[in-house]
Amino acid sequence: MIEIRLETAFIKLDALLKFANLVSSGGEAKIRIAAGEVKVNGEVCLQRGKKLRPGDRVSLDSETVCIQ
């Protein structure tokens, strides 16, 4: 599990995937989100601009990111 500490109120889903190195580019993030490969708090999320806040968990493949 990867833990990310936010310095702001939120981070958008596509930006988090890039920041945590789960994808190599914004384009890849867009494609993987649209394909339903990303889960937020255990549910598939198709909104690449979804605002994530502390306590949220994002999963892609076998990696999980927890926002602190």
C-alpha atoms as a PDB file:
ATOM      1  CA  MET A   1       0.000   0.000   0.000  1.00  0.00           C
ATOM      2  CA  ILE A   2       1.195   3.474  -0.919  1.00  0.00           C
ATOM      3  CA  GLU A   3       0.370   6.334   1.458  1.00  0.00           C
ATOM      4  CA  ILE A   4       0.050   9.860   0.080  1.00  0.00           C
ATOM      5  CA  ARG A   5      -0.193  12.879   2.380  1.00  0.00           C
ATOM      6  CA  LEU A   6      -2.106  15.817   0.908  1.00  0.00           C
ATOM      7  CA  GLU A   7      -1.043  19.408   1.432  1.00  0.00           C
ATOM      8  CA  THR A   8      -4.287  20.621  -0.181  1.00  0.00           C
ATOM      9  CA  ALA A   9      -7.965  19.923   0.483  1.00  0.00           C
ATOM     10  CA  PHE A  10      -8.226  17.388  -2.354  1.00  0.00           C
ATOM     11  CA  ILE A  11      -6.517  15.858  -5.385  1.00  0.00           C
ATOM     12  CA  LYS A  12      -8.211  14.768  -8.602  1.00  0.00           C
ATOM     13  CA  LEU A  13      -8.192  11.087  -9.489  1.00  0.00           C
ATOM     14  CA  ASP A  14      -6.158  11.383 -12.695  1.00  0.00           C
ATOM     15  CA  ALA A  15      -3.543  13.548 -10.951  1.00  0.00           C
ATOM     16  CA  LEU A  16      -3.269  11.053  -8.081  1.00  0.00           C
ATOM     17  CA  LEU A  17      -2.625   8.161 -10.457  1.00  0.00           C
ATOM     18  CA  LYS A  18       0.237  10.117 -12.051  1.00  0.00           C
ATOM     19  CA  PHE A  19       1.600  11.370  -8.698  1.00  0.00           C
ATOM     20  CA  ALA A  20       1.662   7.839  -7.231  1.00  0.00           C
ATOM     21  CA  ASN A  21       3.362   6.494 -10.410  1.00  0.00           C
ATOM     22  CA  LEU A  22       0.518   4.067 -11.113  1.00  0.00           C
ATOM     23  CA  VAL A  23       0.357   5.378 -14.702  1.00  0.00           C
ATOM     24  CA  SER A  24       3.006   6.961 -16.899  1.00  0.00           C
ATOM     25  CA  SER A  25       0.907   9.809 -18.318  1.00  0.00           C
ATOM     26  CA  GLY A  26      -2.368  11.661 -18.090  1.00  0.00           C
ATOM     27  CA  GLY A  27      -3.483   9.961 -21.287  1.00  0.00           C
ATOM     28  CA  GLU A  28      -2.944   6.547 -19.762  1.00  0.00           C
ATOM     29  CA  ALA A  29      -4.855   7.643 -16.643  1.00  0.00           C
ATOM     30  CA  LYS A  30      -7.783   8.785 -18.798  1.00  0.00           C
ATOM     31  CA  ILE A  31      -7.892   5.480 -20.697  1.00  0.00           C
ATOM     32  CA  ARG A  32      -7.640   3.277 -17.597  1.00  0.00           C
ATOM     33  CA  ILE A  33     -10.304   5.259 -15.728  1.00  0.00           C
ATOM     34  CA  ALA A  34     -12.668   5.148 -18.728  1.00  0.00           C
ATOM     35  CA  ALA A  35     -12.099   1.383 -19.025  1.00  0.00           C
ATOM     36  CA  GLY A  36     -13.327   0.896 -15.453  1.00  0.00           C
ATOM     37  CA  GLU A  37      -9.975  -0.343 -14.160  1.00  0.00           C
ATOM     38  CA  VAL A  38      -9.771   2.112 -11.242  1.00  0.00           C
ATOM     39  CA  LYS A  39     -11.635   1.701  -7.967  1.00  0.00           C
ATOM     40  CA  VAL A  40     -12.235   4.420  -5.372  1.00  0.00           C
ATOM     41  CA  ASN A  41     -13.189   3.118  -1.936  1.00  0.00           C
ATOM     42  CA  GLY A  42     -13.933  -0.291  -3.424  1.00  0.00           C
ATOM     43  CA  GLU A  43     -16.207   0.905  -6.247  1.00  0.00           C
ATOM     44  CA  VAL A  44     -15.363   1.404  -9.921  1.00  0.00           C
ATOM     45  CA  CYS A  45     -14.987   5.122 -10.680  1.00  0.00           C
ATOM     46  CA  LEU A  46     -15.333   6.504 -14.208  1.00  0.00           C
ATOM     47  CA  GLN A  47     -14.818  10.181 -13.254  1.00  0.00           C
ATOM     48  CA  ARG A  48     -11.224  11.183 -13.914  1.00  0.00           C
ATOM     49  CA  GLY A  49     -11.805  14.540 -12.189  1.00  0.00           C
ATOM     50  CA  LYS A  50     -13.238  12.974  -9.023  1.00  0.00           C
ATOM     51  CA  LYS A  51     -12.019  14.875  -5.989  1.00  0.00           C
ATOM     52  CA  LEU A  52     -10.253  12.638  -3.489  1.00  0.00           C
ATOM     53  CA  ARG A  53      -9.811  13.609   0.130  1.00  0.00           C
ATOM     54  CA  PRO A  54      -8.017  12.150   3.159  1.00  0.00           C
ATOM     55  CA  GLY A  55      -9.386   8.708   4.000  1.00  0.00           C
ATOM     56  CA  ASP A  56     -10.079   7.729   0.383  1.00  0.00           C
ATOM     57  CA  ARG A  57      -8.474   4.618  -1.113  1.00  0.00           C
ATOM     58  CA  VAL A  58      -7.707   4.182  -4.794  1.00  0.00           C
ATOM     59  CA  SER A  59      -6.907   0.809  -6.369  1.00  0.00           C
ATOM     60  CA  LEU A  60      -5.439   0.007  -9.775  1.00  0.00           C
ATOM     61  CA  ASP A  61      -4.175  -3.457 -10.692  1.00  0.00           C
ATOM     62  CA  SER A  62      -2.629  -4.834  -7.479  1.00  0.00           C
ATOM     63  CA  GLU A  63      -1.680  -1.434  -6.016  1.00  0.00           C
ATOM     64  CA  THR A  64      -3.668   0.553  -3.465  1.00  0.00           C
ATOM     65  CA  VAL A  65      -3.113   4.198  -2.573  1.00  0.00           C
ATOM     66  CA  CYS A  66      -4.381   5.551   0.752  1.00  0.00           C
ATOM     67  CA  ILE A  67      -4.745   9.314   1.082  1.00  0.00           C
ATOM     68  CA  GLN A  68      -3.724  10.778   4.418  1.00  0.00           C
END
